């Protein structure tokens, strides 16, 4: 499902939920109000029957429905005589009673329940209203009242049961809920139409809102498609509009900047590598062609030619290895582990001593543990020390210091030219003094890349009394100890 449809559906569901909630609450509260009015009317009907009667003795007064009208009979006749019933239980007899009134009559339908479970309907006839254990309990206690709903002869009734403390029975009064049900059925249709119309309107509004809300994103998408179609020199998106779109445009522009830098770096790497490889490959090709006719050369020249070919192969192999190392990028993807940096530095110095026995080293190494990729750290440390060896004079010591996680290597050579300092860590950069030296100009670039990949940094400077100083760190060390200094 598209985002536009999701927004429209969400808006429709939200409005539908609100409409249903309002409908349910309105329907329930309206019915509660109408039923409450009917219950008030039932209490008013029952109130005269629960008052003390003029007879004095309990149980001898007029039956329910007659007390309120007893004094109003013609020529002083009591209400009991008017209704044709006695004021006592079912054992008493009287004139033939007329038919009981309909449930919809204005006075209401009255029924008496005696403590022994006997039921008598006002006006004679069979009792109509349901009697349960709760009604019998009210009759026995002759106190308390409650409401309940019932359906009798197809008529929906609201029924009040109240205990009479004066005659020790319970009286039941019923009024029909027909008018309430009729009103509620009409409201049910009305609320249904309102809810249906609300959902339909919500769907239309949701579609319009989603179209309006997504219009800026659609325009932004069109602009990004136009920008990314020209990857050679991609333009940038204007950071205008709403704050969210400005932030999105800024993030997209940053991505384009990073992509452009990455493409440019790849191109420079390929161009520089091809340039650096061209010279050793051409020299190797020339020497191999000469070697093919080596049978006409003296033995010592053939040996020198063979050694030259091997040296050029070693140089070519080193250049390829350096290019591959740089192509890995500055973020190491290999698994990191704890590395004893002082041990790595000591081993690198020992390897350099074996290759150049004339080199003199002055070591002050603080035991240091870092977290990193071992082969990259070893390669960077070896490059720093080898760079110092190449420039250090035979009688000049190479000072190697490791303190607070930073490796500092100083030689006593000519140092860096001031114009070369900003570029000593660039790929394939070689100072004028270094053009006659072996190497590809990638050693310090690899050092900087390894340091940045571990969250550290690489720096180069000239010592005050001569010589060059290269400092490199591999992020915050896990632990250091000055007690381990030799």
Protein backbone atom coordinates (compact mmCIF):
# COMPACT_ATOMS: atom_id res chain seq x y z
CA UNK A 1 0.00 0.00 0.00
CA UNK A 2 1.34 3.42 -0.93
CA UNK A 3 2.08 6.08 1.69
CA UNK A 4 -0.71 8.28 0.34
CA UNK A 5 -3.28 5.52 0.82
CA UNK A 6 -1.96 4.79 4.26
CA UNK A 7 -2.40 8.41 5.31
CA UNK A 8 -5.92 8.52 3.85
CA UNK A 9 -6.84 5.23 5.56
CA UNK A 10 -5.39 6.40 8.88
CA UNK A 11 -7.39 9.66 8.70
CA UNK A 12 -10.58 7.76 7.82
CA UNK A 13 -10.10 5.28 10.66
CA UNK A 14 -9.36 8.05 13.15
CA UNK A 15 -12.50 9.99 12.22
CA UNK A 16 -14.55 6.79 12.13
CA UNK A 17 -13.35 5.86 15.63
CA UNK A 18 -14.25 9.33 16.92
CA UNK A 19 -17.65 9.22 15.19
CA UNK A 20 -18.42 5.76 16.60
CA UNK A 21 -17.33 6.84 20.08
CA UNK A 22 -19.51 9.96 19.90
CA UNK A 23 -22.42 7.90 18.57
CA UNK A 24 -22.13 5.29 21.29
CA UNK A 25 -21.76 7.88 24.03
CA UNK A 26 -24.64 9.97 22.66
CA UNK A 27 -26.90 6.93 22.25
CA UNK A 28 -26.10 5.61 25.74
CA UNK A 29 -26.49 8.96 27.47
CA UNK A 30 -29.77 9.72 25.68
CA UNK A 31 -31.25 6.36 26.62
CA UNK A 32 -30.01 6.73 30.19
CA UNK A 33 -31.66 10.14 30.39
CA UNK A 34 -35.00 8.91 29.03
CA UNK A 35 -35.03 5.83 31.26
CA UNK A 36 -34.13 8.04 34.23
CA UNK A 37 -37.16 10.23 33.53
CA UNK A 38 -39.35 7.13 33.33
CA UNK A 39 -37.94 5.86 36.63
CA UNK A 40 -38.68 9.23 38.23
CA UNK A 41 -42.25 8.89 37.01
CA UNK A 42 -42.44 5.37 38.48
CA UNK A 43 -41.35 6.70 41.86
CA UNK A 44 -44.01 9.38 41.65
CA UNK A 45 -46.64 6.71 40.87
CA UNK A 46 -45.51 4.55 43.78
CA UNK A 47 -45.08 7.33 46.35
CA UNK A 48 -48.77 7.61 47.41
CA UNK A 49 -48.97 3.85 47.91
CA UNK A 50 -46.02 3.87 50.31
CA UNK A 51 -47.50 6.50 52.67
CA UNK A 52 -49.38 5.69 55.96
CA UNK A 53 -53.11 5.14 55.24
CA UNK A 54 -55.97 6.60 57.29
CA UNK A 55 -57.12 3.16 58.62
CA UNK A 56 -54.64 3.25 61.49
CA UNK A 57 -54.06 -0.54 61.77
CA UNK A 58 -51.34 -2.05 59.58
CA UNK A 59 -52.61 -4.24 56.84
CA UNK A 60 -56.14 -2.85 56.94
CA UNK A 61 -55.86 0.07 54.58
CA UNK A 62 -56.83 0.36 50.94
CA UNK A 63 -54.88 -1.71 48.49
CA UNK A 64 -52.23 -0.13 46.28
CA UNK A 65 -53.48 2.28 43.70
CA UNK A 66 -56.42 3.37 45.89
CA UNK A 67 -54.81 5.36 48.72
CA UNK A 68 -54.25 8.42 46.69
CA UNK A 69 -57.87 8.45 45.57
CA UNK A 70 -59.66 7.07 48.68
CA UNK A 71 -60.81 10.45 49.86
CA UNK A 72 -61.90 11.42 46.36
CA UNK A 73 -64.63 8.75 45.90
CA UNK A 74 -68.17 9.94 45.17
CA UNK A 75 -70.43 10.55 48.23
CA UNK A 76 -67.59 9.62 50.61
CA UNK A 77 -67.12 6.10 49.25
CA UNK A 78 -63.64 4.73 49.72
CA UNK A 79 -61.28 3.86 46.90
CA UNK A 80 -61.54 0.16 47.70
CA UNK A 81 -65.25 0.25 46.98
CA UNK A 82 -64.57 2.10 43.74
CA UNK A 83 -62.04 -0.56 42.60
CA UNK A 84 -64.19 -3.46 43.93
CA UNK A 85 -61.35 -5.11 45.88
CA UNK A 86 -60.67 -5.71 49.56
CA UNK A 87 -57.67 -4.44 51.45
CA UNK A 88 -56.56 -7.87 52.66
CA UNK A 89 -55.01 -10.96 51.20
CA UNK A 90 -56.31 -13.37 48.59
CA UNK A 91 -58.61 -15.11 51.12
CA UNK A 92 -60.92 -12.12 51.12
CA UNK A 93 -63.65 -11.85 48.52
CA UNK A 94 -65.39 -8.96 46.90
CA UNK A 95 -67.34 -7.94 43.85
CA UNK A 96 -66.27 -9.13 40.46
CA UNK A 97 -63.19 -7.08 39.44
CA UNK A 98 -62.95 -5.42 36.10
CA UNK A 99 -60.23 -6.39 33.63
CA UNK A 100 -56.73 -5.19 34.56
CA UNK A 101 -55.62 -2.03 32.83
CA UNK A 102 -53.26 -2.23 29.89
CA UNK A 103 -49.54 -1.77 30.57
CA UNK A 104 -49.62 1.46 28.65
CA UNK A 105 -52.17 3.09 30.92
CA UNK A 106 -51.32 6.44 32.41
CA UNK A 107 -51.57 5.34 36.11
CA UNK A 108 -49.27 2.40 35.48
CA UNK A 109 -49.72 -1.26 36.29
CA UNK A 110 -49.69 -2.15 40.01
CA UNK A 111 -49.02 -5.52 41.57
CA UNK A 112 -48.64 -6.52 45.25
CA UNK A 113 -46.30 -9.28 46.49
CA UNK A 114 -46.96 -10.59 50.01
CA UNK A 115 -44.19 -11.94 52.29
CA UNK A 116 -45.55 -15.49 51.87
CA UNK A 117 -45.10 -15.25 48.10
CA UNK A 118 -48.75 -14.52 47.27
CA UNK A 119 -49.14 -12.14 44.32
CA UNK A 120 -52.21 -9.98 43.67
CA UNK A 121 -52.75 -7.70 40.69
CA UNK A 122 -54.54 -4.39 41.15
CA UNK A 123 -58.00 -4.55 39.62
CA UNK A 124 -58.12 -8.34 39.65
CA UNK A 125 -56.98 -10.76 37.05
CA UNK A 126 -53.84 -12.80 36.85
CA UNK A 127 -50.58 -11.15 37.99
CA UNK A 128 -48.51 -10.05 35.00
CA UNK A 129 -45.21 -8.82 36.37
CA UNK A 130 -42.26 -11.20 36.97
CA UNK A 131 -41.35 -11.99 40.58
CA UNK A 132 -37.91 -13.24 41.50
CA UNK A 133 -36.00 -13.87 44.71
CA UNK A 134 -35.01 -10.22 44.98
CA UNK A 135 -38.67 -9.16 44.84
CA UNK A 136 -39.62 -11.71 47.52
CA UNK A 137 -36.79 -10.47 49.72
CA UNK A 138 -38.12 -6.88 49.42
CA UNK A 139 -41.59 -8.14 50.40
CA UNK A 140 -40.26 -9.96 53.47
CA UNK A 141 -38.12 -7.00 54.57
CA UNK A 142 -40.86 -4.50 53.65
CA UNK A 143 -38.16 -2.01 52.75
CA UNK A 144 -35.80 -1.10 49.91
CA UNK A 145 -36.48 -0.48 46.22
CA UNK A 146 -34.90 -1.28 42.88
CA UNK A 147 -35.56 -1.07 39.14
CA UNK A 148 -35.45 -3.74 36.49
CA UNK A 149 -36.52 -4.17 32.89
CA UNK A 150 -38.79 -6.97 31.67
CA UNK A 151 -40.75 -7.97 28.61
CA UNK A 152 -44.34 -9.07 29.35
CA UNK A 153 -46.82 -10.10 26.64
CA UNK A 154 -44.49 -8.54 24.06
CA UNK A 155 -44.39 -5.20 25.90
CA UNK A 156 -41.05 -3.80 27.10
CA UNK A 157 -41.54 -2.54 30.67
CA UNK A 158 -39.54 -0.64 33.26
CA UNK A 159 -40.47 -2.05 36.67
CA UNK A 160 -40.08 -0.54 40.14
CA UNK A 161 -40.24 -2.82 43.17
CA UNK A 162 -40.51 -1.11 46.57
CA UNK A 163 -41.10 -2.56 50.07
CA UNK A 164 -44.05 -1.06 52.00
CA UNK A 165 -43.04 -0.68 55.66
CA UNK A 166 -46.63 0.08 56.75
CA UNK A 167 -48.51 -2.87 55.20
CA UNK A 168 -45.53 -5.27 55.16
CA UNK A 169 -45.64 -6.19 51.50
CA UNK A 170 -43.88 -5.12 48.30
CA UNK A 171 -45.52 -3.14 45.62
CA UNK A 172 -44.53 -3.37 41.95
CA UNK A 173 -45.27 -0.56 39.51
CA UNK A 174 -44.63 -0.87 35.77
CA UNK A 175 -44.65 1.59 32.88
CA UNK A 176 -43.95 0.71 29.24
CA UNK A 177 -40.65 1.62 27.57
CA UNK A 178 -42.36 1.82 24.18
CA UNK A 179 -41.81 5.54 23.74
CA UNK A 180 -38.21 5.27 24.86
CA UNK A 181 -37.53 2.41 22.45
CA UNK A 182 -39.19 4.31 19.63
CA UNK A 183 -37.00 7.36 20.23
CA UNK A 184 -33.88 5.22 20.49
CA UNK A 185 -34.61 3.39 17.25
CA UNK A 186 -34.92 6.72 15.51
CA UNK A 187 -31.63 7.88 17.04
CA UNK A 188 -29.95 4.62 15.99
CA UNK A 189 -30.70 5.35 12.34
CA UNK A 190 -29.59 8.95 12.76
CA UNK A 191 -26.33 8.01 14.41
CA UNK A 192 -25.71 5.35 11.77
CA UNK A 193 -26.11 7.90 8.99
CA UNK A 194 -23.86 10.37 10.84
CA UNK A 195 -21.13 7.75 11.36
CA UNK A 196 -21.32 6.57 7.73
CA UNK A 197 -21.21 10.12 6.45
CA UNK A 198 -18.31 10.91 8.78
CA UNK A 199 -16.30 7.94 7.52
CA UNK A 200 -16.96 8.89 3.90
CA UNK A 201 -16.05 12.50 4.55
CA UNK A 202 -12.95 11.38 6.45
CA UNK A 203 -11.85 9.27 3.51
CA UNK A 204 -12.21 12.19 1.12
CA UNK A 205 -10.45 14.58 3.49
CA UNK A 206 -7.72 11.99 4.15
CA UNK A 207 -7.07 11.64 0.43
CA UNK A 208 -6.90 15.41 0.04
CA UNK A 209 -4.64 15.79 3.09
CA UNK A 210 -2.31 13.00 1.96
CA UNK A 211 -2.06 14.53 -1.51
CA UNK A 212 -1.28 17.93 -0.03
CA UNK A 213 1.17 16.56 2.57
CA UNK A 214 3.09 14.45 0.07
CA UNK A 215 3.25 17.08 -2.65
CA UNK A 216 6.52 18.61 -1.29
CA UNK A 217 8.06 15.15 -1.00
CA UNK A 218 7.05 14.37 -4.58
CA UNK A 219 8.69 17.58 -5.77
CA UNK A 220 11.78 16.77 -3.69
CA UNK A 221 11.91 13.29 -5.24
CA UNK A 222 11.75 14.79 -8.73
CA UNK A 223 14.65 17.10 -7.88
CA UNK A 224 16.75 14.24 -6.50
CA UNK A 225 16.13 12.20 -9.65
CA UNK A 226 17.31 15.12 -11.76
CA UNK A 227 20.40 15.54 -9.57
CA UNK A 228 21.42 11.88 -9.44
CA UNK A 229 21.03 11.50 -13.21
CA UNK A 230 24.29 13.46 -13.57
CA UNK A 231 26.75 11.66 -11.31
CA UNK A 232 29.78 13.10 -13.10
CA UNK A 233 29.19 16.58 -11.70
CA UNK A 234 26.03 16.34 -9.56
CA UNK A 235 24.43 19.62 -8.60
CA UNK A 236 23.01 20.29 -5.15
CA UNK A 237 19.43 20.58 -3.95
CA UNK A 238 18.24 23.93 -2.69
CA UNK A 239 17.62 23.82 1.04
CA UNK A 240 14.26 25.59 1.04
CA UNK A 241 10.71 24.89 2.20
CA UNK A 242 9.60 23.40 5.49
CA UNK A 243 12.18 22.66 8.17
CA UNK A 244 11.87 18.89 7.62
CA UNK A 245 12.50 19.29 3.89
CA UNK A 246 15.44 21.60 4.54
CA UNK A 247 17.00 19.01 6.81
CA UNK A 248 16.33 16.29 4.24
CA UNK A 249 17.91 18.40 1.49
CA UNK A 250 20.94 19.15 3.69
CA UNK A 251 21.39 15.45 4.48
CA UNK A 252 21.08 14.56 0.79
CA UNK A 253 23.64 17.23 -0.14
CA UNK A 254 26.05 15.86 2.47
CA UNK A 255 25.62 12.41 0.97
CA UNK A 256 26.38 13.81 -2.48
CA UNK A 257 29.48 15.56 -1.12
CA UNK A 258 30.73 12.33 0.44
CA UNK A 259 29.99 10.41 -2.76
CA UNK A 260 31.79 12.98 -4.87
CA UNK A 261 34.82 12.90 -2.58
CA UNK A 262 34.85 9.11 -2.70
CA UNK A 263 34.68 9.05 -6.51
CA UNK A 264 37.39 11.69 -6.75
CA UNK A 265 39.61 9.75 -4.33
CA UNK A 266 39.14 6.56 -6.34
CA UNK A 267 40.04 8.35 -9.54
CA UNK A 268 43.13 9.90 -7.96
CA UNK A 269 44.17 6.55 -6.53
CA UNK A 270 43.84 4.82 -9.89
CA UNK A 271 45.63 7.64 -11.70
CA UNK A 272 48.46 7.80 -9.17
CA UNK A 273 48.82 4.04 -8.99
CA UNK A 274 48.98 3.73 -12.77
CA UNK A 275 51.60 6.48 -12.86
CA UNK A 276 53.73 4.89 -10.15
CA UNK A 277 53.44 1.42 -11.64
CA UNK A 278 54.38 2.60 -15.10
CA UNK A 279 58.03 3.26 -14.17
CA UNK A 280 58.87 -0.08 -12.47
CA UNK A 281 56.96 -2.02 -15.12
CA UNK A 282 58.84 -0.24 -17.93
CA UNK A 283 62.17 -0.81 -16.21
CA UNK A 284 61.32 -4.43 -15.55
CA UNK A 285 60.31 -4.96 -19.16
CA UNK A 286 63.58 -3.42 -20.38
CA UNK A 287 65.71 -5.51 -18.05
CA UNK A 288 63.87 -8.71 -18.96
CA UNK A 289 64.48 -8.04 -22.68
CA UNK A 290 68.18 -7.54 -21.95
CA UNK A 291 68.23 -10.66 -19.80
CA UNK A 292 66.92 -12.70 -22.73
CA UNK A 293 70.24 -11.97 -24.46
CA UNK A 294 72.27 -12.39 -21.28
CA UNK A 295 74.35 -15.19 -22.78
CA UNK A 296 76.37 -12.53 -24.59
CA UNK A 297 77.06 -10.60 -21.35
CA UNK A 298 79.85 -11.25 -18.88
CA UNK A 299 78.93 -13.25 -15.82
CA UNK A 300 79.13 -10.34 -13.37
CA UNK A 301 76.82 -8.20 -15.57
CA UNK A 302 74.31 -11.06 -15.78
CA UNK A 303 74.33 -11.33 -11.98
CA UNK A 304 73.79 -7.57 -11.60
CA UNK A 305 70.97 -7.69 -14.16
CA UNK A 306 69.29 -10.55 -12.30
CA UNK A 307 69.54 -8.69 -9.00
CA UNK A 308 68.10 -5.56 -10.63
CA UNK A 309 65.11 -7.55 -11.92
CA UNK A 310 64.49 -8.98 -8.45
CA UNK A 311 64.69 -5.52 -6.86
CA UNK A 312 62.25 -4.10 -9.36
CA UNK A 313 59.87 -7.01 -8.76
CA UNK A 314 60.10 -6.35 -5.01
CA UNK A 315 59.38 -2.67 -5.58
CA UNK A 316 56.44 -3.50 -7.84
CA UNK A 317 55.08 -5.94 -5.26
CA UNK A 318 55.41 -3.30 -2.54
CA UNK A 319 53.57 -0.69 -4.60
CA UNK A 320 50.72 -3.11 -5.32
CA UNK A 321 50.49 -4.05 -1.63
CA UNK A 322 50.42 -0.37 -0.62
CA UNK A 323 47.69 0.42 -3.16
CA UNK A 324 45.59 -2.49 -1.90
CA UNK A 325 46.06 -1.29 1.69
CA UNK A 326 44.87 2.21 0.80
CA UNK A 327 41.91 0.80 -1.15
CA UNK A 328 40.62 -0.79 2.07
CA UNK A 329 39.62 2.65 3.33
CA UNK A 330 40.05 4.28 6.71
CA UNK A 331 37.36 2.30 8.55
CA UNK A 332 38.66 -1.16 9.40
CA UNK A 333 36.00 -3.80 8.88
CA UNK A 334 37.98 -6.66 10.40
CA UNK A 335 37.41 -7.92 13.93
CA UNK A 336 39.20 -5.80 16.53
CA UNK A 337 41.14 -7.18 19.45
CA UNK A 338 43.42 -6.02 22.23
CA UNK A 339 46.94 -5.17 21.02
CA UNK A 340 50.06 -4.55 23.13
CA UNK A 341 51.32 -1.52 21.23
CA UNK A 342 54.69 -1.42 23.00
CA UNK A 343 55.36 -5.00 21.91
CA UNK A 344 54.40 -4.16 18.31
CA UNK A 345 56.83 -1.20 18.31
CA UNK A 346 59.65 -3.28 19.84
CA UNK A 347 59.21 -6.04 17.22
CA UNK A 348 59.16 -3.48 14.40
CA UNK A 349 62.45 -2.01 15.65
CA UNK A 350 64.02 -5.47 15.81
CA UNK A 351 63.02 -6.21 12.19
CA UNK A 352 64.50 -2.90 11.06
CA UNK A 353 67.75 -3.65 12.91
CA UNK A 354 68.06 -6.95 11.05
CA UNK A 355 67.62 -5.20 7.68
CA UNK A 356 69.83 -2.23 8.62
CA UNK A 357 72.34 -3.26 11.30
CA UNK A 358 73.93 0.19 11.21
CA UNK A 359 70.74 1.87 12.49
CA UNK A 360 70.81 3.02 16.12
CA UNK A 361 67.60 3.16 18.15
CA UNK A 362 66.83 4.85 21.46
CA UNK A 363 63.65 3.30 22.92
CA UNK A 364 61.44 4.59 25.70
CA UNK A 365 58.24 2.53 25.55
CA UNK A 366 55.39 2.79 28.03
CA UNK A 367 53.38 -0.45 28.21
CA UNK A 368 50.21 0.37 26.30
CA UNK A 369 47.18 -1.72 25.28
CA UNK A 370 44.88 -0.56 22.50
CA UNK A 371 41.95 -2.07 20.64
CA UNK A 372 42.37 -2.40 16.89
CA UNK A 373 43.09 -4.51 13.82
CA UNK A 374 46.53 -6.07 14.36
CA UNK A 375 47.82 -6.20 10.76
CA UNK A 376 46.94 -2.56 10.10
CA UNK A 377 48.54 -1.34 13.33
CA UNK A 378 51.70 -3.41 12.64
CA UNK A 379 51.92 -2.04 9.09
CA UNK A 380 51.55 1.58 10.23
CA UNK A 381 54.16 1.26 13.00
CA UNK A 382 56.60 -0.41 10.59
CA UNK A 383 56.12 2.38 8.03
CA UNK A 384 56.84 5.12 10.60
CA UNK A 385 60.04 3.44 11.81
CA UNK A 386 61.19 2.58 8.28
CA UNK A 387 60.62 6.18 7.17
CA UNK A 388 62.88 7.39 10.01
CA UNK A 389 65.53 4.78 9.13
CA UNK A 390 65.68 5.95 5.52
CA UNK A 391 66.36 9.56 6.52
CA UNK A 392 68.51 9.07 9.61
CA UNK A 393 72.29 9.42 9.11
CA UNK A 394 74.48 6.44 10.14
CA UNK A 395 75.69 8.17 13.29
CA UNK A 396 72.32 9.63 14.25
CA UNK A 397 70.10 7.74 16.69
CA UNK A 398 66.42 7.16 16.00
CA UNK A 399 64.41 8.15 19.07
CA UNK A 400 61.31 6.03 19.56
CA UNK A 401 58.93 7.12 22.33
CA UNK A 402 55.59 5.63 23.37
CA UNK A 403 53.74 7.67 25.98
CA UNK A 404 50.03 8.02 26.80
CA UNK A 405 49.08 5.99 23.73
CA UNK A 406 51.03 8.17 21.24
CA UNK A 407 54.01 6.82 19.28
CA UNK A 408 56.63 9.46 18.45
CA UNK A 409 59.56 8.64 16.12
CA UNK A 410 62.32 11.18 15.52
CA UNK A 411 65.27 10.95 13.17
CA UNK A 412 68.29 13.27 12.92
CA UNK A 413 68.14 13.71 9.16
CA UNK A 414 67.42 16.83 7.12
CA UNK A 415 63.82 17.03 8.26
CA UNK A 416 60.82 18.13 6.20
CA UNK A 417 60.86 21.17 3.97
CA UNK A 418 58.35 23.73 5.22
CA UNK A 419 56.47 23.56 1.93
CA UNK A 420 56.19 19.76 2.17
CA UNK A 421 54.77 19.52 5.70
CA UNK A 422 51.08 19.88 4.66
CA UNK A 423 51.44 17.08 2.10
CA UNK A 424 53.65 14.44 3.72
CA UNK A 425 50.65 12.18 4.42
CA UNK A 426 49.14 12.52 0.92
CA UNK A 427 49.09 9.51 -1.39
CA UNK A 428 52.03 9.21 -3.78
CA UNK A 429 53.44 12.53 -2.58
CA UNK A 430 57.24 12.61 -2.70
CA UNK A 431 59.36 15.57 -1.78
CA UNK A 432 62.14 16.70 -4.06
CA UNK A 433 64.71 15.18 -1.72
CA UNK A 434 62.91 11.83 -1.80
CA UNK A 435 62.72 11.33 -5.53
CA UNK A 436 66.01 9.49 -5.60
CA UNK A 437 65.00 7.23 -2.69
CA UNK A 438 63.27 3.86 -3.15
CA UNK A 439 59.57 3.73 -2.37
CA UNK A 440 56.23 4.76 -3.80
CA UNK A 441 55.23 7.62 -1.51
CA UNK A 442 52.43 5.61 0.09
CA UNK A 443 54.04 4.70 3.42
CA UNK A 444 52.93 7.73 5.46
CA UNK A 445 49.55 7.80 3.69
CA UNK A 446 48.97 4.27 5.02
CA UNK A 447 49.99 5.46 8.50
CA UNK A 448 47.44 8.28 8.46
CA UNK A 449 44.67 6.02 7.15
CA UNK A 450 45.30 3.39 9.84
CA UNK A 451 45.38 6.04 12.58
CA UNK A 452 42.09 7.62 11.46
CA UNK A 453 40.49 4.20 11.10
CA UNK A 454 41.19 3.56 14.80
CA UNK A 455 39.98 6.98 15.96
CA UNK A 456 43.47 8.48 16.24
CA UNK A 457 45.59 10.90 14.21
CA UNK A 458 48.98 11.27 12.51
CA UNK A 459 51.16 14.40 12.62
CA UNK A 460 54.51 15.45 11.20
CA UNK A 461 56.80 18.28 12.30
CA UNK A 462 60.44 19.30 12.44
CA UNK A 463 62.44 19.08 15.66
CA UNK A 464 63.86 22.32 17.01
CA UNK A 465 67.47 21.06 16.79
CA UNK A 466 67.09 19.25 13.47
CA UNK A 467 65.45 16.14 12.17
CA UNK A 468 61.86 15.11 11.56
CA UNK A 469 59.28 13.94 14.09
CA UNK A 470 56.30 11.76 13.15
CA UNK A 471 53.61 11.17 15.78
CA UNK A 472 50.79 8.65 15.48
CA UNK A 473 48.05 7.47 17.85
CA UNK A 474 45.41 4.78 17.47
CA UNK A 475 42.64 6.18 19.61
CA UNK A 476 42.28 6.17 23.37
CA UNK A 477 44.36 3.33 24.88
CA UNK A 478 42.63 0.74 27.01
CA UNK A 479 45.37 1.03 29.63
CA UNK A 480 48.91 2.36 30.05
CA UNK A 481 51.60 1.94 32.71
CA UNK A 482 54.62 4.17 33.22
CA UNK A 483 56.15 1.49 35.44
CA UNK A 484 57.14 -0.54 32.39
CA UNK A 485 59.62 2.02 30.95
CA UNK A 486 63.04 0.46 30.27
